[in-house]
N, C-alpha and C. Protein backbone atom coordinates (compact mmCIF):
# COMPACT_ATOMS: atom_id res chain seq x y z
N MET A 1 -52.89 -3.83 -1.81
CA MET A 1 -51.63 -4.67 -1.67
C MET A 1 -50.62 -3.72 -1.11
N ASN A 2 -49.70 -3.61 -0.25
CA ASN A 2 -48.55 -2.77 0.40
C ASN A 2 -47.49 -2.29 -0.67
N ASP A 3 -47.02 -1.33 -1.03
CA ASP A 3 -45.58 -1.33 -1.79
C ASP A 3 -44.48 -2.00 -0.87
N SER A 4 -43.32 -1.93 -1.39
CA SER A 4 -42.09 -2.41 -0.70
C SER A 4 -41.63 -1.36 -0.21
N PRO A 5 -41.01 -1.50 1.43
CA PRO A 5 -40.37 -0.29 1.82
C PRO A 5 -39.25 0.33 0.83
N PHE A 6 -38.66 0.10 -0.19
CA PHE A 6 -37.85 0.61 -0.92
C PHE A 6 -38.70 1.63 -1.94
N VAL A 7 -39.81 0.77 -2.31
CA VAL A 7 -40.63 1.87 -3.05
C VAL A 7 -41.20 3.48 -2.50
N GLU A 8 -41.55 2.79 -0.93
CA GLU A 8 -42.26 3.84 -0.09
C GLU A 8 -40.85 4.51 0.11
N SER A 9 -39.67 4.30 0.14
CA SER A 9 -38.65 5.08 0.53
C SER A 9 -38.34 6.08 -0.53
N LEU A 10 -38.67 5.99 -1.86
CA LEU A 10 -38.42 6.64 -3.00
C LEU A 10 -39.65 7.70 -2.90
N ARG A 11 -40.86 7.42 -2.39
CA ARG A 11 -42.27 8.57 -2.27
C ARG A 11 -41.49 9.30 -1.32
N TRP A 12 -40.94 9.00 0.26
CA TRP A 12 -40.44 9.62 1.08
C TRP A 12 -39.58 10.74 0.21
N LEU A 13 -38.76 10.45 -0.53
CA LEU A 13 -37.64 10.93 -0.83
C LEU A 13 -38.09 12.47 -1.79
N ALA A 14 -39.36 12.09 -2.59
CA ALA A 14 -40.11 12.73 -3.64
C ALA A 14 -40.84 13.57 -3.28
N GLU A 15 -41.25 13.73 -1.80
CA GLU A 15 -42.13 14.53 -0.98
C GLU A 15 -41.33 15.51 -1.39
N PRO A 16 -42.12 17.19 -1.70
CA PRO A 16 -41.55 18.31 -1.80
C PRO A 16 -40.96 18.94 -0.53
N SER A 17 -41.51 18.26 0.95
CA SER A 17 -41.48 18.87 2.11
C SER A 17 -40.18 18.30 2.16
N ARG A 18 -39.91 17.51 1.96
CA ARG A 18 -38.33 16.68 2.17
C ARG A 18 -37.35 17.73 1.68
N TRP A 19 -37.81 18.68 0.95
CA TRP A 19 -36.41 19.71 0.21
C TRP A 19 -36.48 20.95 0.92
N SER A 20 -36.94 21.31 2.02
CA SER A 20 -36.97 22.52 1.95
C SER A 20 -36.96 22.58 3.87
N GLY A 21 -36.91 23.92 4.72
CA GLY A 21 -36.60 23.98 5.85
C GLY A 21 -35.59 23.21 6.57
N PRO A 22 -35.73 23.70 7.89
CA PRO A 22 -34.27 23.06 8.44
C PRO A 22 -33.90 21.80 8.60
N ALA A 23 -35.16 21.02 8.48
CA ALA A 23 -34.75 19.51 8.32
C ALA A 23 -35.06 19.07 7.07
N GLY A 24 -34.78 19.86 6.05
CA GLY A 24 -34.79 19.24 4.90
C GLY A 24 -33.71 18.83 4.27
N ILE A 25 -33.61 17.90 3.52
CA ILE A 25 -32.32 17.20 2.72
C ILE A 25 -31.09 18.04 2.20
N PRO A 26 -31.68 19.20 1.58
CA PRO A 26 -30.55 20.12 1.23
C PRO A 26 -29.58 20.31 2.41
N LEU A 27 -30.20 20.91 3.38
CA LEU A 27 -29.47 21.38 4.66
C LEU A 27 -28.85 20.31 5.24
N ARG A 28 -29.71 19.11 5.65
CA ARG A 28 -28.86 17.93 6.15
C ARG A 28 -27.74 17.17 5.50
N THR A 29 -27.71 17.13 4.17
CA THR A 29 -26.59 17.27 3.24
C THR A 29 -25.47 18.26 3.53
N LEU A 30 -25.65 19.58 3.35
CA LEU A 30 -24.80 20.38 3.68
C LEU A 30 -23.91 20.00 5.31
N GLU A 31 -24.70 20.05 6.15
CA GLU A 31 -24.33 19.44 7.20
C GLU A 31 -23.18 17.95 7.30
N HIS A 32 -24.06 17.30 6.71
CA HIS A 32 -23.05 15.75 6.23
C HIS A 32 -21.51 16.22 5.75
N LEU A 33 -21.49 17.35 4.74
CA LEU A 33 -20.46 17.51 4.00
C LEU A 33 -19.52 18.30 4.95
N GLY A 34 -20.19 19.16 5.70
CA GLY A 34 -19.52 20.00 6.86
C GLY A 34 -18.65 19.38 7.76
N TYR A 35 -19.22 18.17 8.18
CA TYR A 35 -18.57 16.97 9.40
C TYR A 35 -17.33 16.23 8.23
N THR A 36 -17.74 15.89 7.33
CA THR A 36 -16.66 15.15 6.25
C THR A 36 -15.51 16.15 6.24
N ALA A 37 -15.78 17.03 5.61
CA ALA A 37 -14.72 17.97 5.28
C ALA A 37 -13.73 18.61 6.58
N LEU A 38 -14.38 18.59 7.63
CA LEU A 38 -13.80 18.95 9.15
C LEU A 38 -13.01 17.73 9.30
N GLY A 39 -13.25 16.65 9.72
CA GLY A 39 -12.78 15.29 9.61
C GLY A 39 -11.69 14.98 8.74
N ILE A 40 -11.66 15.28 7.39
CA ILE A 40 -10.98 15.09 6.69
C ILE A 40 -9.51 16.18 6.67
N LEU A 41 -10.02 17.48 7.12
CA LEU A 41 -8.64 18.55 6.80
C LEU A 41 -8.15 18.29 8.18
N LEU A 42 -8.52 18.00 9.59
CA LEU A 42 -8.00 17.52 10.87
C LEU A 42 -7.07 16.56 10.52
N ALA A 43 -7.42 15.61 9.71
CA ALA A 43 -6.77 14.33 9.83
C ALA A 43 -5.46 14.50 8.54
N ALA A 44 -6.09 15.52 7.40
CA ALA A 44 -4.65 15.84 6.49
C ALA A 44 -3.80 16.51 7.12
N LEU A 45 -3.97 17.50 8.18
CA LEU A 45 -3.01 18.31 9.04
C LEU A 45 -1.93 17.33 9.74
N LEU A 46 -2.50 16.38 9.67
CA LEU A 46 -1.70 15.59 10.86
C LEU A 46 -1.08 14.45 10.07
N ALA A 47 -1.84 13.77 9.14
CA ALA A 47 -1.16 12.55 8.47
C ALA A 47 -0.47 13.10 7.09
N ILE A 48 -0.65 13.80 6.53
CA ILE A 48 0.01 14.30 4.96
C ILE A 48 1.43 14.82 5.43
N PRO A 49 1.54 15.85 6.26
CA PRO A 49 3.47 15.82 6.55
C PRO A 49 3.85 14.68 7.04
N LEU A 50 3.17 13.93 8.02
CA LEU A 50 4.29 12.82 8.39
C LEU A 50 4.24 11.86 7.51
N GLY A 51 3.06 11.52 7.05
CA GLY A 51 3.35 10.55 5.53
C GLY A 51 4.37 10.98 4.47
N LEU A 52 4.44 12.31 4.02
CA LEU A 52 5.80 12.68 3.29
C LEU A 52 7.04 12.78 3.98
N ALA A 53 7.03 13.24 5.19
CA ALA A 53 8.26 12.77 5.82
C ALA A 53 8.76 11.49 5.74
N VAL A 54 8.20 10.41 5.77
CA VAL A 54 8.23 9.18 5.93
C VAL A 54 8.61 8.89 4.55
N GLY A 55 8.26 8.96 3.52
CA GLY A 55 8.21 8.55 2.62
C GLY A 55 9.55 8.95 1.69
N HIS A 56 9.79 10.64 2.24
CA HIS A 56 11.17 11.12 1.89
C HIS A 56 12.54 10.24 2.40
N THR A 57 12.26 10.46 3.67
CA THR A 57 13.27 9.81 4.25
C THR A 57 13.49 8.12 4.73
N GLY A 58 12.51 7.45 4.56
CA GLY A 58 11.98 6.42 5.10
C GLY A 58 12.28 5.58 6.13
N ARG A 59 12.20 6.92 7.36
CA ARG A 59 12.42 6.61 8.44
C ARG A 59 11.23 5.89 9.25
N PHE A 60 11.13 5.61 10.41
CA PHE A 60 10.22 5.01 11.17
C PHE A 60 8.87 4.27 10.24
N LYS A 61 9.09 3.68 8.98
CA LYS A 61 7.99 3.12 7.93
C LYS A 61 7.33 2.17 8.45
N GLY A 62 7.81 1.27 9.16
CA GLY A 62 7.07 -0.03 9.84
C GLY A 62 6.62 0.20 11.00
N LEU A 63 6.91 1.28 11.62
CA LEU A 63 5.89 1.56 12.54
C LEU A 63 4.79 2.37 12.31
N VAL A 64 5.11 3.52 11.15
CA VAL A 64 3.84 3.93 10.81
C VAL A 64 2.63 3.20 10.03
N VAL A 65 3.56 2.18 9.44
CA VAL A 65 2.65 1.10 8.81
C VAL A 65 1.64 0.42 9.79
N ALA A 66 2.59 -0.27 10.69
CA ALA A 66 1.77 -0.99 11.63
C ALA A 66 0.41 -0.05 12.69
N THR A 67 1.19 1.18 12.71
CA THR A 67 0.45 2.08 13.18
C THR A 67 -1.34 2.38 12.61
N ALA A 68 -1.18 2.59 11.16
CA ALA A 68 -2.10 2.60 10.51
C ALA A 68 -2.81 1.78 10.24
N GLY A 69 -2.53 0.39 10.09
CA GLY A 69 -3.02 -0.78 10.13
C GLY A 69 -4.02 -1.15 11.17
N ALA A 70 -3.36 -0.65 12.25
CA ALA A 70 -4.13 -0.94 13.69
C ALA A 70 -5.12 -0.04 13.72
N ALA A 71 -5.25 0.97 13.07
CA ALA A 71 -6.38 2.41 13.22
C ALA A 71 -7.36 1.82 12.48
N ARG A 72 -7.08 1.10 11.28
CA ARG A 72 -8.01 0.99 10.43
C ARG A 72 -9.20 -0.22 10.78
N ALA A 73 -8.43 -0.96 11.98
CA ALA A 73 -9.21 -2.16 12.62
C ALA A 73 -10.17 -1.68 13.78
N LEU A 74 -10.15 -0.33 13.86
CA LEU A 74 -10.92 0.49 15.12
C LEU A 74 -12.22 0.52 14.46
N PRO A 75 -13.39 -0.22 15.36
CA PRO A 75 -14.68 0.30 14.76
C PRO A 75 -14.89 1.75 15.34
N THR A 76 -15.77 2.13 14.60
CA THR A 76 -15.71 3.90 14.49
C THR A 76 -16.99 3.99 15.33
N LEU A 77 -18.32 2.85 15.28
CA LEU A 77 -19.47 3.46 16.38
C LEU A 77 -19.00 2.83 17.69
N GLY A 78 -17.72 2.23 17.82
CA GLY A 78 -17.47 2.15 19.24
C GLY A 78 -16.58 3.52 19.57
N LEU A 79 -15.83 4.01 18.76
CA LEU A 79 -15.00 5.40 18.56
C LEU A 79 -16.20 6.24 19.81
N VAL A 80 -17.13 6.16 18.39
CA VAL A 80 -18.12 7.40 18.70
C VAL A 80 -18.68 7.34 20.22
N THR A 81 -19.00 6.18 20.44
CA THR A 81 -19.74 5.70 22.04
C THR A 81 -18.76 6.01 22.94
N LEU A 82 -17.67 5.83 22.49
CA LEU A 82 -16.33 6.00 23.67
C LEU A 82 -16.15 7.21 24.09
N PHE A 83 -15.94 8.29 23.20
CA PHE A 83 -15.64 9.58 23.26
C PHE A 83 -17.20 10.55 23.93
N ALA A 84 -18.35 9.85 23.31
CA ALA A 84 -19.30 10.92 23.78
C ALA A 84 -19.34 10.40 24.81
N LEU A 85 -18.84 9.17 26.05
CA LEU A 85 -19.03 9.12 27.27
C LEU A 85 -18.06 9.77 27.98
N LEU A 86 -17.12 9.96 27.47
CA LEU A 86 -15.93 10.68 27.96
C LEU A 86 -16.28 12.19 27.82
N MET A 87 -16.73 12.68 26.60
CA MET A 87 -16.49 13.96 26.34
C MET A 87 -18.33 14.54 26.33
N GLY A 88 -18.90 13.70 26.43
CA GLY A 88 -20.63 14.33 26.54
C GLY A 88 -20.85 14.47 24.90
N ILE A 89 -22.46 14.47 24.90
CA ILE A 89 -22.98 14.55 23.36
C ILE A 89 -22.54 16.26 22.83
N GLY A 90 -22.38 15.84 22.10
CA GLY A 90 -21.52 17.30 20.76
C GLY A 90 -21.24 16.72 19.82
N LEU A 91 -20.52 17.19 18.98
CA LEU A 91 -19.71 17.40 18.03
C LEU A 91 -18.10 16.43 17.95
N THR A 92 -17.65 17.07 18.88
CA THR A 92 -16.36 16.68 19.52
C THR A 92 -15.97 15.11 19.24
N ALA A 93 -16.81 14.04 19.89
CA ALA A 93 -16.87 12.67 19.87
C ALA A 93 -16.53 12.28 18.31
N PRO A 94 -17.75 12.28 18.01
CA PRO A 94 -18.14 11.88 16.36
C PRO A 94 -16.78 12.31 15.36
N LEU A 95 -16.53 13.67 15.36
CA LEU A 95 -15.15 14.30 14.74
C LEU A 95 -13.80 13.66 15.16
N LEU A 96 -13.58 13.44 16.28
CA LEU A 96 -12.35 12.67 16.86
C LEU A 96 -12.19 11.30 16.07
N SER A 97 -13.56 10.72 16.09
CA SER A 97 -13.70 9.09 15.67
C SER A 97 -13.75 9.31 14.06
N PHE A 98 -13.96 10.62 13.05
CA PHE A 98 -13.86 10.38 11.80
C PHE A 98 -12.47 10.85 11.55
N VAL A 99 -11.47 11.61 12.65
CA VAL A 99 -10.30 12.01 12.04
C VAL A 99 -9.39 10.82 12.38
N ILE A 100 -9.89 9.98 13.26
CA ILE A 100 -9.17 8.68 13.49
C ILE A 100 -9.06 7.94 12.16
N LEU A 101 -10.52 7.65 11.91
CA LEU A 101 -10.86 6.53 10.29
C LEU A 101 -9.88 7.53 9.20
N ALA A 102 -9.90 8.55 9.34
CA ALA A 102 -9.44 9.25 7.72
C ALA A 102 -7.85 8.89 7.99
N ILE A 103 -7.08 9.12 8.88
CA ILE A 103 -5.76 9.27 9.01
C ILE A 103 -4.83 7.89 8.08
N PRO A 104 -5.23 6.79 8.69
CA PRO A 104 -4.79 5.86 7.91
C PRO A 104 -4.67 5.83 6.27
N SER A 105 -5.62 5.88 5.66
CA SER A 105 -5.53 6.04 4.22
C SER A 105 -5.11 7.54 3.94
N LEU A 106 -5.01 8.61 4.65
CA LEU A 106 -3.97 10.01 4.10
C LEU A 106 -2.86 9.44 4.43
N LEU A 107 -2.31 8.60 5.33
CA LEU A 107 -0.93 8.43 5.78
C LEU A 107 -0.57 7.46 4.73
N ALA A 108 -1.38 6.66 4.27
CA ALA A 108 -0.33 5.48 3.07
C ALA A 108 -0.66 6.30 1.47
N GLY A 109 -1.66 7.19 1.36
CA GLY A 109 -1.44 7.95 0.08
C GLY A 109 -0.31 8.99 -0.10
N ALA A 110 0.13 9.55 1.13
CA ALA A 110 1.43 10.62 1.21
C ALA A 110 2.49 9.81 1.04
N TYR A 111 2.54 8.67 1.74
CA TYR A 111 4.07 8.01 1.69
C TYR A 111 4.42 7.15 0.55
N SER A 112 3.28 6.68 -0.22
CA SER A 112 3.71 5.87 -1.45
C SER A 112 3.47 7.08 -2.45
N ALA A 113 2.91 8.40 -2.29
CA ALA A 113 3.33 9.37 -3.48
C ALA A 113 4.81 9.60 -3.38
N VAL A 114 5.22 9.76 -2.68
CA VAL A 114 6.72 10.05 -2.25
C VAL A 114 7.41 8.88 -2.88
N GLU A 115 7.06 7.54 -2.27
CA GLU A 115 8.17 6.79 -2.62
C GLU A 115 7.97 6.49 -4.27
N SER A 116 6.96 6.71 -4.84
CA SER A 116 6.82 6.25 -6.24
C SER A 116 7.23 6.83 -7.21
N ALA A 117 7.98 7.84 -6.49
CA ALA A 117 8.70 9.07 -7.51
C ALA A 117 9.92 8.53 -8.26
N ASP A 118 10.15 8.61 -9.41
CA ASP A 118 11.52 7.51 -9.95
C ASP A 118 13.09 7.89 -9.57
N ARG A 119 13.41 6.85 -8.98
CA ARG A 119 14.75 7.26 -8.44
C ARG A 119 15.60 8.00 -8.83
N ALA A 120 15.99 7.67 -10.67
CA ALA A 120 16.60 8.52 -11.23
C ALA A 120 16.46 9.66 -11.34
N THR A 121 14.73 10.17 -11.47
CA THR A 121 14.51 11.29 -11.11
C THR A 121 14.94 12.26 -10.03
N VAL A 122 14.96 11.84 -8.86
CA VAL A 122 15.48 12.10 -7.89
C VAL A 122 16.67 12.27 -7.62
N ASP A 123 17.64 11.09 -8.08
CA ASP A 123 18.99 11.61 -8.00
C ASP A 123 19.38 12.54 -8.96
N ALA A 124 18.84 12.86 -10.27
CA ALA A 124 19.49 13.88 -11.06
C ALA A 124 18.91 15.22 -10.71
N ALA A 125 17.95 15.24 -9.64
CA ALA A 125 17.33 16.60 -9.07
C ALA A 125 18.43 16.82 -7.87
N ARG A 126 18.97 15.88 -6.85
CA ARG A 126 19.85 16.07 -6.17
C ARG A 126 21.19 16.75 -6.88
N ALA A 127 21.51 15.66 -8.09
CA ALA A 127 22.83 16.25 -8.46
C ALA A 127 22.81 17.52 -9.04
N GLN A 128 21.75 18.42 -9.22
CA GLN A 128 21.80 19.61 -10.05
C GLN A 128 21.57 20.56 -8.63
N GLY A 129 21.75 20.13 -7.65
CA GLY A 129 21.82 20.98 -6.12
C GLY A 129 20.75 21.24 -5.61
N MET A 130 19.39 20.82 -6.11
CA MET A 130 18.17 21.07 -5.13
C MET A 130 18.41 20.45 -3.62
N THR A 131 17.72 21.19 -2.61
CA THR A 131 17.79 20.77 -1.28
C THR A 131 16.75 19.59 -1.17
N GLU A 132 16.94 18.90 -0.11
CA GLU A 132 15.74 17.94 0.11
C GLU A 132 14.49 18.49 0.14
N LEU A 133 14.32 19.62 0.43
CA LEU A 133 13.08 20.15 0.71
C LEU A 133 12.33 20.70 -0.83
N GLN A 134 13.23 20.79 -1.76
CA GLN A 134 12.82 21.27 -3.13
C GLN A 134 12.81 19.65 -3.91
N VAL A 135 13.66 18.95 -3.50
CA VAL A 135 13.49 17.34 -3.74
C VAL A 135 11.96 17.19 -3.79
N LEU A 136 11.48 17.07 -2.59
CA LEU A 136 10.01 16.94 -2.05
C LEU A 136 9.04 17.42 -2.66
N THR A 137 9.26 18.80 -2.92
CA THR A 137 7.84 20.21 -3.34
C THR A 137 8.18 19.91 -4.73
N ARG A 138 9.20 19.76 -5.48
CA ARG A 138 9.17 20.01 -7.10
C ARG A 138 9.38 18.80 -7.58
N VAL A 139 9.86 17.79 -7.14
CA VAL A 139 9.86 16.42 -7.88
C VAL A 139 9.27 15.25 -7.36
N GLU A 140 9.44 14.90 -6.52
CA GLU A 140 8.75 14.01 -5.31
C GLU A 140 7.06 13.99 -5.63
N LEU A 141 6.55 15.02 -4.97
CA LEU A 141 5.48 15.68 -4.88
C LEU A 141 4.48 15.54 -5.97
N PRO A 142 4.89 16.44 -6.98
CA PRO A 142 4.02 16.54 -8.48
C PRO A 142 4.30 14.85 -9.07
N LEU A 143 5.19 14.51 -9.11
CA LEU A 143 5.01 12.82 -9.66
C LEU A 143 4.11 11.97 -9.08
N GLY A 144 4.20 12.11 -7.40
CA GLY A 144 3.19 11.05 -6.63
C GLY A 144 1.48 11.73 -6.25
N MET A 145 1.31 13.02 -7.00
CA MET A 145 0.30 13.52 -6.33
C MET A 145 -0.85 12.60 -6.59
N PRO A 146 -1.30 11.97 -8.02
CA PRO A 146 -2.14 10.87 -8.34
C PRO A 146 -2.63 9.84 -6.86
N LEU A 147 -1.08 9.42 -6.53
CA LEU A 147 -1.32 8.77 -5.26
C LEU A 147 -1.95 9.28 -3.77
N LEU A 148 -1.43 10.69 -3.60
CA LEU A 148 -1.77 11.62 -2.72
C LEU A 148 -3.45 11.58 -2.60
N ILE A 149 -3.85 12.11 -3.86
CA ILE A 149 -5.50 12.21 -4.27
C ILE A 149 -5.84 10.80 -3.96
N GLY A 150 -5.46 10.03 -4.46
CA GLY A 150 -6.08 8.60 -4.01
C GLY A 150 -6.41 8.59 -2.56
N GLY A 151 -5.24 8.96 -1.79
CA GLY A 151 -5.19 8.65 -0.26
C GLY A 151 -6.52 9.43 0.11
N VAL A 152 -6.63 10.79 -0.40
CA VAL A 152 -7.51 11.58 0.20
C VAL A 152 -9.27 11.30 -0.13
N ARG A 153 -9.12 10.52 -1.71
CA ARG A 153 -10.20 10.12 -1.99
C ARG A 153 -10.68 8.78 -1.01
N GLY A 154 -9.90 8.03 -0.99
CA GLY A 154 -10.34 6.91 -0.16
C GLY A 154 -10.88 7.12 1.30
N ALA A 155 -10.05 8.26 1.91
CA ALA A 155 -10.56 8.40 3.23
C ALA A 155 -11.82 9.50 3.18
N THR A 156 -12.05 10.14 2.08
CA THR A 156 -13.51 10.81 1.84
C THR A 156 -14.39 9.88 2.16
N VAL A 157 -14.11 9.12 1.07
CA VAL A 157 -15.34 8.09 0.91
C VAL A 157 -15.83 7.26 2.32
N GLN A 158 -14.81 6.93 2.98
CA GLN A 158 -14.89 6.30 4.53
C GLN A 158 -15.96 6.95 5.16
N VAL A 159 -15.01 8.46 5.50
CA VAL A 159 -15.51 9.19 6.33
C VAL A 159 -17.35 9.62 5.80
N VAL A 160 -17.47 10.03 4.94
CA VAL A 160 -18.83 10.43 4.12
C VAL A 160 -19.71 9.40 4.64
N ALA A 161 -19.34 8.32 4.64
CA ALA A 161 -20.09 6.88 4.61
C ALA A 161 -20.24 6.66 6.12
N THR A 162 -19.62 6.96 7.19
CA THR A 162 -20.15 7.06 8.56
C THR A 162 -20.27 8.43 9.32
N ALA A 163 -20.06 9.54 8.17
CA ALA A 163 -20.49 10.72 8.89
C ALA A 163 -21.88 10.58 9.61
N MET A 164 -22.76 9.79 9.28
CA MET A 164 -24.11 9.36 9.48
C MET A 164 -23.98 9.37 11.20
N LEU A 165 -22.80 8.92 11.51
CA LEU A 165 -23.07 8.30 13.23
C LEU A 165 -22.85 9.57 14.04
N ALA A 166 -22.50 11.07 13.35
CA ALA A 166 -22.86 11.99 14.15
C ALA A 166 -24.46 12.20 14.82
N ALA A 167 -25.20 11.92 14.00
CA ALA A 167 -26.48 12.03 14.72
C ALA A 167 -26.58 11.03 15.59
N TYR A 168 -25.76 10.12 15.82
CA TYR A 168 -26.16 8.93 17.01
C TYR A 168 -26.14 9.62 18.06
N VAL A 169 -25.14 10.79 18.06
CA VAL A 169 -24.88 11.48 19.38
C VAL A 169 -25.27 13.12 19.60
N GLY A 170 -26.78 13.17 19.03
CA GLY A 170 -27.20 14.32 19.02
C GLY A 170 -27.00 15.57 17.67
N ASN A 171 -26.03 15.13 16.67
CA ASN A 171 -25.53 16.36 15.72
C ASN A 171 -26.93 16.09 14.53
N GLY A 172 -26.33 16.57 13.55
CA GLY A 172 -27.26 16.56 12.07
C GLY A 172 -26.76 15.88 11.32
N GLY A 173 -26.86 16.04 10.05
CA GLY A 173 -26.21 15.22 9.14
C GLY A 173 -27.70 14.33 8.51
N LEU A 174 -27.25 13.79 7.47
CA LEU A 174 -27.98 12.72 6.95
C LEU A 174 -28.10 11.49 7.84
N GLY A 175 -27.74 11.27 8.75
CA GLY A 175 -27.81 10.31 9.75
C GLY A 175 -29.24 10.54 10.54
N ARG A 176 -29.66 11.87 10.76
CA ARG A 176 -30.67 12.29 11.61
C ARG A 176 -31.93 11.38 10.62
N TYR A 177 -31.91 10.90 9.43
CA TYR A 177 -32.99 10.52 8.86
C TYR A 177 -33.03 8.76 9.24
N ILE A 178 -31.79 8.17 9.20
CA ILE A 178 -31.53 6.90 9.49
C ILE A 178 -31.97 6.59 11.29
N PHE A 179 -31.36 7.64 11.61
CA PHE A 179 -31.72 7.21 13.41
C PHE A 179 -32.96 7.50 13.63
N GLN A 180 -33.54 8.56 13.26
CA GLN A 180 -34.85 8.93 13.65
C GLN A 180 -36.20 7.63 13.09
N GLY A 181 -35.70 7.18 11.92
CA GLY A 181 -36.70 6.24 11.42
C GLY A 181 -36.01 4.62 12.01
N LEU A 182 -35.26 4.71 12.70
CA LEU A 182 -34.82 3.62 13.66
C LEU A 182 -35.67 3.84 14.73
N GLY A 183 -35.63 4.62 15.14
CA GLY A 183 -36.56 4.79 16.78
C GLY A 183 -37.81 4.87 16.41
N SER A 184 -38.53 5.42 15.28
CA SER A 184 -39.93 5.12 14.76
C SER A 184 -40.06 4.25 14.44
N GLN A 185 -39.25 2.91 13.80
CA GLN A 185 -39.60 2.00 13.15
C GLN A 185 -40.06 2.16 11.74
N ASN A 186 -39.90 3.13 11.31
CA ASN A 186 -40.21 4.05 9.57
C ASN A 186 -39.03 3.70 8.99
N TYR A 187 -39.03 2.47 8.31
CA TYR A 187 -38.14 2.13 7.53
C TYR A 187 -38.31 2.57 6.49
N PRO A 188 -38.88 2.97 5.57
CA PRO A 188 -38.79 3.82 4.24
C PRO A 188 -37.98 4.88 4.34
N GLN A 189 -37.83 5.55 5.54
CA GLN A 189 -37.30 7.09 5.75
C GLN A 189 -35.65 6.01 6.25
N MET A 190 -35.34 4.93 6.90
CA MET A 190 -34.14 4.57 7.10
C MET A 190 -33.59 4.16 6.05
N ILE A 191 -34.23 3.87 4.99
CA ILE A 191 -33.87 3.56 3.56
C ILE A 191 -33.37 4.54 2.52
N ALA A 192 -34.26 5.53 2.87
CA ALA A 192 -34.30 7.08 2.05
C ALA A 192 -32.82 7.60 2.80
N GLY A 193 -32.72 7.20 4.14
CA GLY A 193 -31.46 8.31 4.73
C GLY A 193 -30.33 7.52 3.96
N SER A 194 -30.17 6.17 4.22
CA SER A 194 -29.09 5.51 3.65
C SER A 194 -28.66 5.50 2.10
N LEU A 195 -30.06 5.81 1.35
CA LEU A 195 -29.59 6.10 -0.49
C LEU A 195 -29.15 7.61 -0.31
N LEU A 196 -29.37 8.52 0.48
CA LEU A 196 -29.13 9.85 0.19
C LEU A 196 -27.49 9.41 0.47
N VAL A 197 -27.23 9.07 1.65
CA VAL A 197 -25.39 8.69 1.90
C VAL A 197 -24.93 8.17 0.99
N ILE A 198 -25.51 7.04 0.26
CA ILE A 198 -24.68 6.38 -0.76
C ILE A 198 -24.60 7.24 -1.90
N ALA A 199 -25.64 8.22 -2.10
CA ALA A 199 -25.52 8.95 -3.52
C ALA A 199 -24.36 9.87 -3.18
N LEU A 200 -24.22 10.65 -2.16
CA LEU A 200 -23.20 11.50 -1.71
C LEU A 200 -22.34 10.98 -1.74
N ALA A 201 -21.45 9.64 -1.49
CA ALA A 201 -20.27 9.18 -1.65
C ALA A 201 -20.32 8.89 -3.07
N LEU A 202 -21.18 8.45 -3.45
CA LEU A 202 -20.34 8.25 -5.07
C LEU A 202 -20.27 9.51 -5.75
N VAL A 203 -20.84 10.26 -5.48
CA VAL A 203 -20.64 11.91 -5.93
C VAL A 203 -19.41 12.02 -5.51
N LEU A 204 -18.99 12.23 -4.54
CA LEU A 204 -17.86 12.63 -4.06
C LEU A 204 -16.42 11.90 -4.44
N ASP A 205 -16.83 10.42 -4.66
CA ASP A 205 -16.00 9.53 -5.06
C ASP A 205 -15.27 9.77 -6.58
N LEU A 206 -16.72 9.66 -7.40
CA LEU A 206 -16.16 10.41 -9.18
C LEU A 206 -15.62 11.73 -8.99
N ALA A 207 -16.18 12.63 -8.46
CA ALA A 207 -15.33 14.02 -8.44
C ALA A 207 -13.97 14.03 -7.96
N LEU A 208 -13.43 12.99 -7.08
CA LEU A 208 -11.96 13.15 -6.58
C LEU A 208 -11.28 12.10 -7.35
N LEU A 209 -11.87 11.07 -8.01
CA LEU A 209 -11.52 10.49 -9.00
C LEU A 209 -11.12 10.89 -10.35
N LEU A 210 -11.79 12.13 -10.61
CA LEU A 210 -11.67 12.84 -11.90
C LEU A 210 -10.44 14.05 -11.19
N ILE A 211 -10.37 14.19 -10.61
CA ILE A 211 -9.23 15.32 -9.89
C ILE A 211 -8.04 14.67 -10.25
N GLN A 212 -8.09 13.02 -9.40
CA GLN A 212 -6.69 12.32 -9.44
C GLN A 212 -6.32 12.32 -10.85
N ARG A 213 -7.35 12.01 -12.02
CA ARG A 213 -6.80 11.50 -13.14
C ARG A 213 -6.25 13.11 -13.86
N LEU A 214 -6.69 13.95 -13.63
CA LEU A 214 -6.20 15.63 -14.10
C LEU A 214 -4.96 15.83 -13.44
N SER A 215 -4.62 15.46 -12.16
CA SER A 215 -3.56 15.33 -11.67
C SER A 215 -2.39 14.35 -11.88
N THR A 216 -2.72 13.62 -12.71
CA THR A 216 -1.50 12.71 -13.34
C THR A 216 -0.65 13.52 -14.14
N PRO A 217 0.81 13.71 -14.09
CA PRO A 217 1.72 14.68 -14.87
C PRO A 217 1.21 13.75 -16.55
N ARG A 218 1.22 14.81 -17.60
CA ARG A 218 0.95 14.82 -19.20
C ARG A 218 1.72 13.29 -19.26
N GLY A 219 2.88 13.09 -19.11
CA GLY A 219 3.94 12.20 -19.75
C GLY A 219 3.30 10.66 -19.20
N LEU A 220 2.94 10.51 -17.93
CA LEU A 220 2.32 9.54 -17.26
C LEU A 220 0.83 9.11 -17.78
N ARG A 221 0.18 10.08 -17.98
CA ARG A 221 -0.99 10.11 -18.59
C ARG A 221 -1.24 9.51 -19.93
N ALA A 222 -0.34 10.15 -20.70
CA ALA A 222 -0.16 9.12 -21.99
C ALA A 222 0.28 8.18 -22.00
N ALA A 223 1.33 7.49 -21.35
CA ALA A 223 1.93 6.34 -21.00
C ALA A 223 0.64 5.34 -20.50
């Protein structure tokens, strides 16, 4: 009697040969993390300053929210395919897709962080003579840091779960196992690759959840 594909996938993961060499799980995991980190970093450079400015000034909030909502609806696989057709095989196509995917969560986290600051505290800071930049960096941002980290957390989980699409256009990462298994109808390998992606997403989510809780000001944490 043959074992189920899930049991076979666990055996696939347990093979020592899977954990060494250029195609081993550790290296593929590092590649996957690299794609995720690069996508989040580039998206953060664009989205966080914009989100902080929108939250602090209140200007263009409707436009930003609508744009972020529209970006959430874009299919990542479709974007990867489109960019690959336009730019060719390589890392650029999936990386652009990951940036677009990460921007809405980062943007929402940034402007929500600033908006969440107690208005009485902000007004008191202004009354003491603080500049607008000081109000943002010394009052609003520290108080809203948990929400900002929450945006980073949401974006990271989304990107790490879809970074497997980098393998769709010839790159590495854990998606290699999934697409190789799909091509050869090796379903245990596909399941194993999916389990690795899920496990990595859970580890990153829990790590960022811990950082989010630690970033909460002591007074709010006690409350």
